[in-house]
Full PDB file with SEQRES, HELIX, SHEET, SSBOND, CRYST1, ORIGX, SCALE, CONECT and MASTER records, all heavy atoms in Angstrom:
SEQRES   1 A   30  ARG LEU ARG ALA THR GLY PHE HIS PRO PHE TRP PRO HIS          
SEQRES   2 A   30  ARG ILE PRO PRO ASN ASP GLY GLY LEU ALA LEU GLY GLN          
SEQRES   3 A   30  LEU TYR VAL ALA                                              
HELIX    1 AA1 ARG A    3  THR A    5  5                                   3    
HELIX    2 AA2 ASP A   19  GLY A   21  5                                   3    
HELIX    3 AA3 LEU A   22  VAL A   29  1                                   8    
CRYST1    1.000    1.000    1.000  90.00  90.00  90.00 P 1           1          
ORIGX1      1.000000  0.000000  0.000000        0.00000                         
ORIGX2      0.000000  1.000000  0.000000        0.00000                         
ORIGX3      0.000000  0.000000  1.000000        0.00000                         
SCALE1      1.000000  0.000000  0.000000        0.00000                         
SCALE2      0.000000  1.000000  0.000000        0.00000                         
SCALE3      0.000000  0.000000  1.000000        0.00000                         
ATOM      1  N   ARG A   1     202.570  65.784 201.146  1.00  0.00           N  
ATOM      2  CA  ARG A   1     203.103  65.841 199.781  1.00  0.00           C  
ATOM      3  C   ARG A   1     204.142  66.956 199.629  1.00  0.00           C  
ATOM      4  O   ARG A   1     205.152  66.774 198.939  1.00  0.00           O  
ATOM      5  CB  ARG A   1     201.961  66.037 198.783  1.00  0.00           C  
ATOM      6  CG  ARG A   1     201.084  64.822 198.602  1.00  0.00           C  
ATOM      7  CD  ARG A   1     201.805  63.707 197.854  1.00  0.00           C  
ATOM      8  NE  ARG A   1     201.928  64.027 196.426  1.00  0.00           N  
ATOM      9  CZ  ARG A   1     203.027  63.861 195.713  1.00  0.00           C  
ATOM     10  NH1 ARG A   1     204.141  63.411 196.294  1.00  0.00           N  
ATOM     11  NH2 ARG A   1     203.053  64.146 194.420  1.00  0.00           N  
ATOM     12  N   LEU A   2     203.901  68.082 200.243  1.00  0.00           N  
ATOM     13  CA  LEU A   2     204.863  69.181 200.147  1.00  0.00           C  
ATOM     14  C   LEU A   2     206.186  68.801 200.798  1.00  0.00           C  
ATOM     15  O   LEU A   2     207.266  69.036 200.243  1.00  0.00           O  
ATOM     16  CB  LEU A   2     204.291  70.441 200.799  1.00  0.00           C  
ATOM     17  CG  LEU A   2     203.176  71.147 200.013  1.00  0.00           C  
ATOM     18  CD1 LEU A   2     202.455  72.155 200.906  1.00  0.00           C  
ATOM     19  CD2 LEU A   2     203.737  71.850 198.773  1.00  0.00           C  
ATOM     20  N   ARG A   3     206.120  68.208 201.971  1.00  0.00           N  
ATOM     21  CA  ARG A   3     207.344  67.788 202.655  1.00  0.00           C  
ATOM     22  C   ARG A   3     208.107  66.739 201.844  1.00  0.00           C  
ATOM     23  O   ARG A   3     209.331  66.793 201.757  1.00  0.00           O  
ATOM     24  CB  ARG A   3     207.001  67.224 204.035  1.00  0.00           C  
ATOM     25  CG  ARG A   3     206.718  68.278 205.092  1.00  0.00           C  
ATOM     26  CD  ARG A   3     206.335  67.624 206.406  1.00  0.00           C  
ATOM     27  NE  ARG A   3     206.299  68.592 207.503  1.00  0.00           N  
ATOM     28  CZ  ARG A   3     205.793  68.330 208.702  1.00  0.00           C  
ATOM     29  NH1 ARG A   3     205.278  67.125 208.965  1.00  0.00           N  
ATOM     30  NH2 ARG A   3     205.817  69.258 209.650  1.00  0.00           N  
ATOM     31  N   ALA A   4     207.377  65.809 201.252  1.00  0.00           N  
ATOM     32  CA  ALA A   4     208.021  64.717 200.513  1.00  0.00           C  
ATOM     33  C   ALA A   4     208.746  65.211 199.272  1.00  0.00           C  
ATOM     34  O   ALA A   4     209.626  64.513 198.751  1.00  0.00           O  
ATOM     35  CB  ALA A   4     206.980  63.664 200.123  1.00  0.00           C  
ATOM     36  N   THR A   5     208.395  66.395 198.795  1.00  0.00           N  
ATOM     37  CA  THR A   5     209.003  66.916 197.566  1.00  0.00           C  
ATOM     38  C   THR A   5     209.892  68.131 197.823  1.00  0.00           C  
ATOM     39  O   THR A   5     210.198  68.884 196.902  1.00  0.00           O  
ATOM     40  CB  THR A   5     207.919  67.277 196.535  1.00  0.00           C  
ATOM     41  OG1 THR A   5     206.893  68.049 197.174  1.00  0.00           O  
ATOM     42  CG2 THR A   5     207.295  66.031 195.950  1.00  0.00           C  
ATOM     43  N   GLY A   6     210.317  68.315 199.074  1.00  0.00           N  
ATOM     44  CA  GLY A   6     211.331  69.322 199.375  1.00  0.00           C  
ATOM     45  C   GLY A   6     210.822  70.699 199.744  1.00  0.00           C  
ATOM     46  O   GLY A   6     211.621  71.637 199.908  1.00  0.00           O  
ATOM     47  N   PHE A   7     209.500  70.864 199.911  1.00  0.00           N  
ATOM     48  CA  PHE A   7     208.959  72.153 200.341  1.00  0.00           C  
ATOM     49  C   PHE A   7     208.830  72.189 201.861  1.00  0.00           C  
ATOM     50  O   PHE A   7     208.889  71.158 202.527  1.00  0.00           O  
ATOM     51  CB  PHE A   7     207.603  72.406 199.681  1.00  0.00           C  
ATOM     52  CG  PHE A   7     207.699  72.631 198.195  1.00  0.00           C  
ATOM     53  CD1 PHE A   7     207.551  71.562 197.302  1.00  0.00           C  
ATOM     54  CD2 PHE A   7     207.952  73.891 197.685  1.00  0.00           C  
ATOM     55  CE1 PHE A   7     207.650  71.763 195.938  1.00  0.00           C  
ATOM     56  CE2 PHE A   7     208.053  74.099 196.315  1.00  0.00           C  
ATOM     57  CZ  PHE A   7     207.910  73.038 195.439  1.00  0.00           C  
ATOM     58  N   HIS A   8     208.647  73.391 202.391  1.00  0.00           N  
ATOM     59  CA  HIS A   8     208.541  73.571 203.845  1.00  0.00           C  
ATOM     60  C   HIS A   8     207.167  74.173 204.158  1.00  0.00           C  
ATOM     61  O   HIS A   8     206.991  75.394 204.105  1.00  0.00           O  
ATOM     62  CB  HIS A   8     209.652  74.480 204.358  1.00  0.00           C  
ATOM     63  CG  HIS A   8     211.022  74.043 203.943  1.00  0.00           C  
ATOM     64  ND1 HIS A   8     211.594  72.874 204.411  1.00  0.00           N  
ATOM     65  CD2 HIS A   8     211.923  74.596 203.094  1.00  0.00           C  
ATOM     66  CE1 HIS A   8     212.798  72.734 203.873  1.00  0.00           C  
ATOM     67  NE2 HIS A   8     213.021  73.769 203.071  1.00  0.00           N  
ATOM     68  N   PRO A   9     206.176  73.328 204.450  1.00  0.00           N  
ATOM     69  CA  PRO A   9     204.827  73.834 204.694  1.00  0.00           C  
ATOM     70  C   PRO A   9     204.649  74.381 206.111  1.00  0.00           C  
ATOM     71  O   PRO A   9     205.239  73.879 207.070  1.00  0.00           O  
ATOM     72  CB  PRO A   9     203.953  72.598 204.476  1.00  0.00           C  
ATOM     73  CG  PRO A   9     204.841  71.443 204.834  1.00  0.00           C  
ATOM     74  CD  PRO A   9     206.227  71.850 204.443  1.00  0.00           C  
ATOM     75  N   PHE A  10     203.836  75.402 206.230  1.00  0.00           N  
ATOM     76  CA  PHE A  10     203.437  75.969 207.516  1.00  0.00           C  
ATOM     77  C   PHE A  10     201.919  76.069 207.507  1.00  0.00           C  
ATOM     78  O   PHE A  10     201.319  76.425 206.495  1.00  0.00           O  
ATOM     79  CB  PHE A  10     204.052  77.354 207.721  1.00  0.00           C  
ATOM     80  CG  PHE A  10     205.550  77.370 207.777  1.00  0.00           C  
ATOM     81  CD1 PHE A  10     206.292  77.459 206.610  1.00  0.00           C  
ATOM     82  CD2 PHE A  10     206.214  77.292 208.998  1.00  0.00           C  
ATOM     83  CE1 PHE A  10     207.681  77.462 206.650  1.00  0.00           C  
ATOM     84  CE2 PHE A  10     207.600  77.296 209.052  1.00  0.00           C  
ATOM     85  CZ  PHE A  10     208.340  77.380 207.877  1.00  0.00           C  
ATOM     86  N   TRP A  11     201.295  75.782 208.647  1.00  0.00           N  
ATOM     87  CA  TRP A  11     199.845  75.839 208.738  1.00  0.00           C  
ATOM     88  C   TRP A  11     199.457  76.260 210.149  1.00  0.00           C  
ATOM     89  O   TRP A  11     200.260  76.146 211.083  1.00  0.00           O  
ATOM     90  CB  TRP A  11     199.220  74.493 208.366  1.00  0.00           C  
ATOM     91  CG  TRP A  11     199.531  73.359 209.303  1.00  0.00           C  
ATOM     92  CD1 TRP A  11     198.745  72.881 210.314  1.00  0.00           C  
ATOM     93  CD2 TRP A  11     200.736  72.558 209.325  1.00  0.00           C  
ATOM     94  NE1 TRP A  11     199.370  71.844 210.952  1.00  0.00           N  
ATOM     95  CE2 TRP A  11     200.592  71.621 210.372  1.00  0.00           C  
ATOM     96  CE3 TRP A  11     201.915  72.552 208.564  1.00  0.00           C  
ATOM     97  CZ2 TRP A  11     201.592  70.685 210.680  1.00  0.00           C  
ATOM     98  CZ3 TRP A  11     202.898  71.627 208.869  1.00  0.00           C  
ATOM     99  CH2 TRP A  11     202.736  70.703 209.905  1.00  0.00           C  
ATOM    100  N   PRO A  12     198.254  76.769 210.358  1.00  0.00           N  
ATOM    101  CA  PRO A  12     197.846  77.247 211.683  1.00  0.00           C  
ATOM    102  C   PRO A  12     197.795  76.118 212.708  1.00  0.00           C  
ATOM    103  O   PRO A  12     197.260  75.040 212.429  1.00  0.00           O  
ATOM    104  CB  PRO A  12     196.451  77.836 211.437  1.00  0.00           C  
ATOM    105  CG  PRO A  12     196.412  78.139 209.979  1.00  0.00           C  
ATOM    106  CD  PRO A  12     197.235  77.060 209.326  1.00  0.00           C  
ATOM    107  N   HIS A  13     198.352  76.384 213.874  1.00  0.00           N  
ATOM    108  CA  HIS A  13     198.288  75.445 214.988  1.00  0.00           C  
ATOM    109  C   HIS A  13     197.418  76.001 216.111  1.00  0.00           C  
ATOM    110  O   HIS A  13     196.517  75.334 216.605  1.00  0.00           O  
ATOM    111  CB  HIS A  13     199.692  75.159 215.525  1.00  0.00           C  
ATOM    112  CG  HIS A  13     200.538  74.349 214.604  1.00  0.00           C  
ATOM    113  ND1 HIS A  13     201.602  73.583 215.035  1.00  0.00           N  
ATOM    114  CD2 HIS A  13     200.510  74.181 213.258  1.00  0.00           C  
ATOM    115  CE1 HIS A  13     202.183  72.977 214.000  1.00  0.00           C  
ATOM    116  NE2 HIS A  13     201.529  73.345 212.915  1.00  0.00           N  
ATOM    117  N   ARG A  14     197.692  77.236 216.520  1.00  0.00           N  
ATOM    118  CA  ARG A  14     196.964  77.852 217.641  1.00  0.00           C  
ATOM    119  C   ARG A  14     195.937  78.873 217.180  1.00  0.00           C  
ATOM    120  O   ARG A  14     195.040  79.225 217.936  1.00  0.00           O  
ATOM    121  CB  ARG A  14     197.958  78.518 218.599  1.00  0.00           C  
ATOM    122  CG  ARG A  14     198.897  77.532 219.304  1.00  0.00           C  
ATOM    123  CD  ARG A  14     199.945  78.267 220.107  1.00  0.00           C  
ATOM    124  NE  ARG A  14     200.858  79.001 219.222  1.00  0.00           N  
ATOM    125  CZ  ARG A  14     201.691  79.943 219.631  1.00  0.00           C  
ATOM    126  NH1 ARG A  14     201.713  80.289 220.905  1.00  0.00           N  
ATOM    127  NH2 ARG A  14     202.494  80.545 218.778  1.00  0.00           N  
ATOM    128  N   ILE A  15     196.090  79.361 215.950  1.00  0.00           N  
ATOM    129  CA  ILE A  15     195.190  80.369 215.406  1.00  0.00           C  
ATOM    130  C   ILE A  15     194.251  79.694 214.413  1.00  0.00           C  
ATOM    131  O   ILE A  15     194.688  78.877 213.596  1.00  0.00           O  
ATOM    132  CB  ILE A  15     195.999  81.479 214.689  1.00  0.00           C  
ATOM    133  CG1 ILE A  15     197.025  82.082 215.646  1.00  0.00           C  
ATOM    134  CG2 ILE A  15     195.065  82.565 214.130  1.00  0.00           C  
ATOM    135  CD1 ILE A  15     196.433  82.698 216.888  1.00  0.00           C  
ATOM    136  N   PRO A  16     192.956  79.996 214.440  1.00  0.00           N  
ATOM    137  CA  PRO A  16     192.033  79.357 213.482  1.00  0.00           C  
ATOM    138  C   PRO A  16     192.445  79.638 212.033  1.00  0.00           C  
ATOM    139  O   PRO A  16     192.824  80.765 211.712  1.00  0.00           O  
ATOM    140  CB  PRO A  16     190.683  80.020 213.800  1.00  0.00           C  
ATOM    141  CG  PRO A  16     190.799  80.520 215.198  1.00  0.00           C  
ATOM    142  CD  PRO A  16     192.246  80.902 215.370  1.00  0.00           C  
ATOM    143  N   PRO A  17     192.385  78.645 211.168  1.00  0.00           N  
ATOM    144  CA  PRO A  17     192.705  78.887 209.759  1.00  0.00           C  
ATOM    145  C   PRO A  17     191.623  79.675 209.031  1.00  0.00           C  
ATOM    146  O   PRO A  17     191.888  80.266 207.983  1.00  0.00           O  
ATOM    147  CB  PRO A  17     192.828  77.472 209.173  1.00  0.00           C  
ATOM    148  CG  PRO A  17     191.945  76.638 210.038  1.00  0.00           C  
ATOM    149  CD  PRO A  17     192.037  77.223 211.412  1.00  0.00           C  
ATOM    150  N   ASN A  18     190.409  79.704 209.593  1.00  0.00           N  
ATOM    151  CA  ASN A  18     189.300  80.384 208.926  1.00  0.00           C  
ATOM    152  C   ASN A  18     189.269  81.864 209.323  1.00  0.00           C  
ATOM    153  O   ASN A  18     190.276  82.424 209.782  1.00  0.00           O  
ATOM    154  CB  ASN A  18     187.978  79.667 209.229  1.00  0.00           C  
ATOM    155  CG  ASN A  18     187.647  79.675 210.715  1.00  0.00           C  
ATOM    156  OD1 ASN A  18     188.353  80.262 211.532  1.00  0.00           O  
ATOM    157  ND2 ASN A  18     186.550  79.030 211.073  1.00  0.00           N  
ATOM    158  N   ASP A  19     188.114  82.505 209.200  1.00  0.00           N  
ATOM    159  CA  ASP A  19     188.042  83.944 209.465  1.00  0.00           C  
ATOM    160  C   ASP A  19     188.315  84.304 210.925  1.00  0.00           C  
ATOM    161  O   ASP A  19     188.536  85.477 211.240  1.00  0.00           O  
ATOM    162  CB  ASP A  19     186.663  84.471 209.060  1.00  0.00           C  
ATOM    163  CG  ASP A  19     186.486  84.534 207.558  1.00  0.00           C  
ATOM    164  OD1 ASP A  19     187.432  84.136 206.836  1.00  0.00           O  
ATOM    165  OD2 ASP A  19     185.413  84.959 207.089  1.00  0.00           O  
ATOM    166  N   GLY A  20     188.305  83.303 211.806  1.00  0.00           N  
ATOM    167  CA  GLY A  20     188.651  83.565 213.199  1.00  0.00           C  
ATOM    168  C   GLY A  20     190.089  84.023 213.377  1.00  0.00           C  
ATOM    169  O   GLY A  20     190.443  84.589 214.417  1.00  0.00           O  
ATOM    170  N   GLY A  21     190.932  83.797 212.371  1.00  0.00           N  
ATOM    171  CA  GLY A  21     192.321  84.233 212.454  1.00  0.00           C  
ATOM    172  C   GLY A  21     192.618  85.512 211.702  1.00  0.00           C  
ATOM    173  O   GLY A  21     193.761  85.990 211.718  1.00  0.00           O  
ATOM    174  N   LEU A  22     191.609  86.089 211.028  1.00  0.00           N  
ATOM    175  CA  LEU A  22     191.861  87.248 210.175  1.00  0.00           C  
ATOM    176  C   LEU A  22     192.423  88.434 210.937  1.00  0.00           C  
ATOM    177  O   LEU A  22     193.308  89.149 210.451  1.00  0.00           O  
ATOM    178  CB  LEU A  22     190.566  87.675 209.467  1.00  0.00           C  
ATOM    179  CG  LEU A  22     190.126  86.840 208.276  1.00  0.00           C  
ATOM    180  CD1 LEU A  22     188.800  87.375 207.745  1.00  0.00           C  
ATOM    181  CD2 LEU A  22     191.173  86.865 207.167  1.00  0.00           C  
ATOM    182  N   ALA A  23     191.904  88.695 212.143  1.00  0.00           N  
ATOM    183  CA  ALA A  23     192.332  89.889 212.885  1.00  0.00           C  
ATOM    184  C   ALA A  23     193.829  89.864 213.153  1.00  0.00           C  
ATOM    185  O   ALA A  23     194.504  90.896 213.043  1.00  0.00           O  
ATOM    186  CB  ALA A  23     191.549  90.006 214.194  1.00  0.00           C  
ATOM    187  N   LEU A  24     194.367  88.694 213.494  1.00  0.00           N  
ATOM    188  CA  LEU A  24     195.803  88.596 213.727  1.00  0.00           C  
ATOM    189  C   LEU A  24     196.567  88.926 212.450  1.00  0.00           C  
ATOM    190  O   LEU A  24     197.561  89.657 212.479  1.00  0.00           O  
ATOM    191  CB  LEU A  24     196.183  87.198 214.215  1.00  0.00           C  
ATOM    192  CG  LEU A  24     197.696  86.952 214.357  1.00  0.00           C  
ATOM    193  CD1 LEU A  24     198.299  87.870 215.406  1.00  0.00           C  
ATOM    194  CD2 LEU A  24     197.977  85.495 214.686  1.00  0.00           C  
ATOM    195  N   GLY A  25     196.122  88.387 211.314  1.00  0.00           N  
ATOM    196  CA  GLY A  25     196.782  88.678 210.045  1.00  0.00           C  
ATOM    197  C   GLY A  25     196.735  90.152 209.706  1.00  0.00           C  
ATOM    198  O   GLY A  25     197.728  90.735 209.245  1.00  0.00           O  
ATOM    199  N   GLN A  26     195.589  90.782 209.935  1.00  0.00           N  
ATOM    200  CA  GLN A  26     195.455  92.211 209.666  1.00  0.00           C  
ATOM    201  C   GLN A  26     196.408  93.016 210.544  1.00  0.00           C  
ATOM    202  O   GLN A  26     197.076  93.944 210.079  1.00  0.00           O  
ATOM    203  CB  GLN A  26     194.008  92.641 209.893  1.00  0.00           C  
ATOM    204  CG  GLN A  26     193.040  92.051 208.872  1.00  0.00           C  
ATOM    205  CD  GLN A  26     191.596  92.191 209.282  1.00  0.00           C  
ATOM    206  OE1 GLN A  26     191.287  92.302 210.471  1.00  0.00           O  
ATOM    207  NE2 GLN A  26     190.694  92.163 208.311  1.00  0.00           N  
ATOM    208  N   LEU A  27     196.477  92.649 211.813  1.00  0.00           N  
ATOM    209  CA  LEU A  27     197.367  93.362 212.737  1.00  0.00           C  
ATOM    210  C   LEU A  27     198.838  93.179 212.362  1.00  0.00           C  
ATOM    211  O   LEU A  27     199.639  94.113 212.459  1.00  0.00           O  
ATOM    212  CB  LEU A  27     197.125  92.872 214.172  1.00  0.00           C  
ATOM    213  CG  LEU A  27     195.828  93.336 214.824  1.00  0.00           C  
ATOM    214  CD1 LEU A  27     195.571  92.565 216.110  1.00  0.00           C  
ATOM    215  CD2 LEU A  27     195.889  94.832 215.116  1.00  0.00           C  
ATOM    216  N   TYR A  28     199.181  91.970 211.935  1.00  0.00           N  
ATOM    217  CA  TYR A  28     200.577  91.695 211.559  1.00  0.00           C  
ATOM    218  C   TYR A  28     200.983  92.538 210.356  1.00  0.00           C  
ATOM    219  O   TYR A  28     202.077  93.105 210.320  1.00  0.00           O  
ATOM    220  CB  TYR A  28     200.732  90.210 211.259  1.00  0.00           C  
ATOM    221  CG  TYR A  28     202.154  89.756 211.026  1.00  0.00           C  
ATOM    222  CD1 TYR A  28     203.168  90.069 211.924  1.00  0.00           C  
ATOM    223  CD2 TYR A  28     202.487  88.987 209.908  1.00  0.00           C  
ATOM    224  CE1 TYR A  28     204.471  89.645 211.712  1.00  0.00           C  
ATOM    225  CE2 TYR A  28     203.778  88.555 209.687  1.00  0.00           C  
ATOM    226  CZ  TYR A  28     204.770  88.886 210.596  1.00  0.00           C  
ATOM    227  OH  TYR A  28     206.052  88.463 210.384  1.00  0.00           O  
ATOM    228  N   VAL A  29     200.096  92.648 209.361  1.00  0.00           N  
ATOM    229  CA  VAL A  29     200.395  93.465 208.187  1.00  0.00           C  
ATOM    230  C   VAL A  29     200.473  94.940 208.567  1.00  0.00           C  
ATOM    231  O   VAL A  29     201.391  95.657 208.163  1.00  0.00           O  
ATOM    232  CB  VAL A  29     199.322  93.245 207.092  1.00  0.00           C  
ATOM    233  CG1 VAL A  29     199.534  94.212 205.924  1.00  0.00           C  
ATOM    234  CG2 VAL A  29     199.369  91.805 206.583  1.00  0.00           C  
ATOM    235  N   ALA A  30     199.502  95.393 209.362  1.00  0.00           N  
ATOM    236  CA  ALA A  30     199.498  96.801 209.777  1.00  0.00           C  
ATOM    237  C   ALA A  30     200.745  97.148 210.583  1.00  0.00           C  
ATOM    238  O   ALA A  30     201.370  98.204 210.384  1.00  0.00           O  
ATOM    239  CB  ALA A  30     198.236  97.096 210.581  1.00  0.00           C  
TER     240      ALA A  30                                                      
MASTER        0    0    0    3    0    0    0    6  239    1    0    3          
END                                                                             
């Protein structure tokens, strides 16, 4: 739906979308 209405969606491919990916997000912000 996002693509069909002109938005550019991004979603996890190699990193878990759940709490298994939190450490990477924390490191990226830090």
